[in-house]
């Protein structure tokens, strides 16, 4: 077994937190005071921030991309490495009997729907054509569900980073830029 040492070059900003209210909060929605428009506004702000955050870390992961490139753009397989990294290369259901089992490739397609559903919310179609929005989002969310399930299992567990040598992934929250990172691998050398 060998190890390759590297340094953390860049830490991305923290992943946006899901909107929500604590049940004990005075503003907690009840049947009498729940406002659907305020809920959609809150979700829209969150999804907009998520799209920006995903774009930021996508460019950190593949510096050959430009701001104007689509998040699904790929240079040398970087898109596949990116979506697999988001879910720790695990599918929606963890198999304890095969802990090294990789996420199936079809999860990449589900990621595309997951991302596009966020962009659909950003467009605020729900303000203009509510029924069309509900229909479109339901169909898209059904296709996005496998990625959403896989991503929700690891959400908020760590922080995104890139090393000086260009490797990227997740590190504990206490990690700082300049910290040493190691990658352990088997080998004879």
Protein backbone atom coordinates (compact mmCIF):
# COMPACT_ATOMS: atom_id res chain seq x y z
CA UNK A 1 0.00 0.00 0.00
CA UNK A 2 1.27 3.47 -0.84
CA UNK A 3 0.18 7.03 -0.32
CA UNK A 4 0.32 10.13 -2.47
CA UNK A 5 0.44 13.39 -0.57
CA UNK A 6 -1.02 16.62 -1.84
CA UNK A 7 -2.22 19.90 -0.34
CA UNK A 8 -5.69 21.38 -0.23
CA UNK A 9 -5.56 24.33 -2.62
CA UNK A 10 -9.20 25.49 -2.61
CA UNK A 11 -12.19 24.91 -0.36
CA UNK A 12 -15.56 25.74 -1.85
CA UNK A 13 -18.07 27.71 0.11
CA UNK A 14 -20.40 25.59 2.20
CA UNK A 15 -23.24 23.82 0.43
CA UNK A 16 -26.49 25.80 0.73
CA UNK A 17 -28.74 24.54 3.49
CA UNK A 18 -32.22 23.34 2.77
CA UNK A 19 -34.83 25.90 3.77
CA UNK A 20 -36.89 25.01 6.76
CA UNK A 21 -38.31 26.22 9.98
CA UNK A 22 -37.93 24.65 13.36
CA UNK A 23 -41.25 23.24 14.63
CA UNK A 24 -41.05 25.39 17.76
CA UNK A 25 -40.52 28.59 15.76
CA UNK A 26 -43.44 31.03 15.79
CA UNK A 27 -43.34 31.16 12.01
CA UNK A 28 -43.83 27.39 11.68
CA UNK A 29 -46.57 26.90 9.08
CA UNK A 30 -49.84 25.63 10.41
CA UNK A 31 -53.07 25.09 8.55
CA UNK A 32 -54.05 28.63 9.46
CA UNK A 33 -50.91 30.55 8.52
CA UNK A 34 -49.16 28.51 5.79
CA UNK A 35 -48.49 30.64 2.73
CA UNK A 36 -47.75 28.62 -0.40
CA UNK A 37 -46.22 31.61 -2.21
CA UNK A 38 -43.78 32.22 0.63
CA UNK A 39 -42.88 28.51 0.55
CA UNK A 40 -42.22 28.64 -3.21
CA UNK A 41 -40.14 31.82 -2.76
CA UNK A 42 -38.03 30.11 -0.11
CA UNK A 43 -37.53 27.02 -2.28
CA UNK A 44 -36.69 29.21 -5.30
CA UNK A 45 -34.01 31.07 -3.33
CA UNK A 46 -32.53 27.76 -2.15
CA UNK A 47 -32.56 26.12 -5.60
CA UNK A 48 -31.03 29.24 -7.18
CA UNK A 49 -28.24 29.18 -4.61
CA UNK A 50 -27.78 25.43 -5.23
CA UNK A 51 -27.42 25.96 -9.00
CA UNK A 52 -24.80 28.66 -8.38
CA UNK A 53 -22.96 26.47 -5.86
CA UNK A 54 -22.99 23.45 -8.19
CA UNK A 55 -21.66 25.63 -11.01
CA UNK A 56 -18.90 26.97 -8.75
CA UNK A 57 -17.70 23.54 -7.65
CA UNK A 58 -18.04 22.16 -11.18
CA UNK A 59 -15.62 24.82 -12.45
CA UNK A 60 -13.29 24.18 -9.50
CA UNK A 61 -13.34 20.47 -10.39
CA UNK A 62 -12.63 21.13 -14.07
CA UNK A 63 -10.82 24.45 -14.62
CA UNK A 64 -10.96 23.92 -18.41
CA UNK A 65 -14.66 24.82 -18.27
CA UNK A 66 -15.82 28.41 -18.65
CA UNK A 67 -18.56 30.16 -16.69
CA UNK A 68 -20.76 29.99 -19.79
CA UNK A 69 -20.38 26.19 -20.15
CA UNK A 70 -23.25 23.97 -19.12
CA UNK A 71 -22.68 22.03 -15.90
CA UNK A 72 -23.01 18.80 -17.93
CA UNK A 73 -20.15 19.84 -20.23
CA UNK A 74 -17.35 17.35 -20.17
CA UNK A 75 -13.69 17.39 -20.84
CA UNK A 76 -11.96 14.06 -20.48
CA UNK A 77 -14.78 12.42 -18.50
CA UNK A 78 -14.92 15.16 -15.87
CA UNK A 79 -18.73 15.25 -15.85
CA UNK A 80 -18.95 11.60 -14.83
CA UNK A 81 -16.27 12.09 -12.16
CA UNK A 82 -18.19 15.14 -10.92
CA UNK A 83 -21.62 13.54 -10.45
CA UNK A 84 -20.06 10.41 -8.95
CA UNK A 85 -18.16 12.58 -6.46
CA UNK A 86 -21.38 14.35 -5.42
CA UNK A 87 -22.82 11.03 -4.20
CA UNK A 88 -19.51 9.48 -3.03
CA UNK A 89 -19.91 7.13 -6.03
CA UNK A 90 -22.78 5.33 -4.28
CA UNK A 91 -26.27 4.65 -5.49
CA UNK A 92 -29.56 5.50 -3.74
CA UNK A 93 -29.41 2.31 -1.66
CA UNK A 94 -26.19 1.28 0.04
CA UNK A 95 -25.44 -2.43 -0.18
CA UNK A 96 -23.63 -3.50 3.00
CA UNK A 97 -22.73 -6.83 1.40
CA UNK A 98 -20.88 -5.03 -1.42
CA UNK A 99 -19.55 -1.79 0.10
CA UNK A 100 -17.26 -1.11 -2.89
CA UNK A 101 -20.07 -1.29 -5.42
CA UNK A 102 -20.07 1.81 -7.63
CA UNK A 103 -23.11 3.87 -8.49
CA UNK A 104 -24.73 2.72 -11.74
CA UNK A 105 -24.07 4.86 -14.83
CA UNK A 106 -27.77 5.66 -15.21
CA UNK A 107 -27.45 7.82 -12.09
CA UNK A 108 -25.66 10.35 -14.33
CA UNK A 109 -28.85 10.74 -16.37
CA UNK A 110 -30.81 11.14 -13.15
CA UNK A 111 -28.32 13.86 -12.11
CA UNK A 112 -29.16 15.78 -15.30
CA UNK A 113 -32.87 15.75 -14.41
CA UNK A 114 -32.05 16.66 -10.79
CA UNK A 115 -30.05 19.69 -11.95
CA UNK A 116 -32.59 20.72 -14.59
CA UNK A 117 -35.41 20.54 -12.03
CA UNK A 118 -33.50 23.11 -9.97
CA UNK A 119 -33.13 25.33 -13.02
CA UNK A 120 -36.87 24.97 -13.73
CA UNK A 121 -37.62 26.34 -10.26
CA UNK A 122 -35.21 29.22 -10.88
CA UNK A 123 -37.23 30.23 -13.93
CA UNK A 124 -40.22 30.84 -11.64
CA UNK A 125 -42.66 29.17 -14.00
CA UNK A 126 -44.74 28.49 -10.90
CA UNK A 127 -45.54 32.23 -10.79
CA UNK A 128 -46.71 32.35 -14.42
CA UNK A 129 -48.19 28.98 -15.33
CA UNK A 130 -48.72 27.00 -12.15
CA UNK A 131 -50.39 23.94 -13.72
CA UNK A 132 -47.74 23.71 -16.45
CA UNK A 133 -45.07 23.99 -13.76
CA UNK A 134 -46.62 21.22 -11.66
CA UNK A 135 -46.87 18.94 -14.66
CA UNK A 136 -43.29 19.61 -15.83
CA UNK A 137 -41.74 19.43 -12.40
CA UNK A 138 -43.52 16.19 -11.48
CA UNK A 139 -42.23 14.45 -14.59
CA UNK A 140 -38.71 15.80 -14.09
CA UNK A 141 -38.64 14.99 -10.38
CA UNK A 142 -39.63 11.38 -11.03
CA UNK A 143 -36.55 11.01 -13.25
CA UNK A 144 -34.38 12.94 -10.78
CA UNK A 145 -35.48 10.84 -7.80
CA UNK A 146 -32.67 8.22 -7.88
CA UNK A 147 -29.98 10.92 -7.78
CA UNK A 148 -31.89 12.93 -5.16
CA UNK A 149 -32.08 9.83 -2.94
CA UNK A 150 -28.36 9.11 -3.33
CA UNK A 151 -27.36 12.74 -2.80
CA UNK A 152 -29.60 13.17 0.26
CA UNK A 153 -27.73 10.37 2.05
CA UNK A 154 -24.46 12.35 1.98
CA UNK A 155 -25.80 15.91 1.92
CA UNK A 156 -24.08 18.27 4.33
CA UNK A 157 -21.56 15.61 5.43
CA UNK A 158 -18.40 17.33 4.22
CA UNK A 159 -16.96 20.25 2.27
CA UNK A 160 -15.86 20.27 -1.38
CA UNK A 161 -12.15 20.78 -2.10
CA UNK A 162 -9.55 20.78 -4.87
CA UNK A 163 -5.88 19.94 -4.30
CA UNK A 164 -2.79 21.54 -5.80
CA UNK A 165 -2.52 18.52 -8.13
CA UNK A 166 -6.14 18.92 -9.29
CA UNK A 167 -7.80 16.10 -7.37
CA UNK A 168 -11.21 16.95 -5.95
CA UNK A 169 -13.70 15.52 -3.50
CA UNK A 170 -14.91 15.94 0.05
CA UNK A 171 -13.01 16.76 3.25
CA UNK A 172 -14.10 17.26 6.88
CA UNK A 173 -15.45 20.71 7.71
CA UNK A 174 -12.43 21.58 9.89
CA UNK A 175 -10.05 21.26 6.90
CA UNK A 176 -8.25 24.45 5.87
CA UNK A 177 -6.53 25.50 2.67
CA UNK A 178 -2.92 24.32 2.77
CA UNK A 179 -3.70 21.20 4.82
CA UNK A 180 -2.09 18.00 3.60
CA UNK A 181 -4.33 15.49 1.89
CA UNK A 182 -3.39 11.92 1.18
CA UNK A 183 -4.72 9.35 -1.22
CA UNK A 184 -4.05 5.78 -0.16
CA UNK A 185 -3.80 3.15 -2.84
CA UNK A 186 -2.53 -0.38 -3.25
CA UNK A 187 0.54 -0.90 -5.32
CA UNK A 188 3.94 -2.44 -5.44
CA UNK A 189 5.93 0.73 -6.02
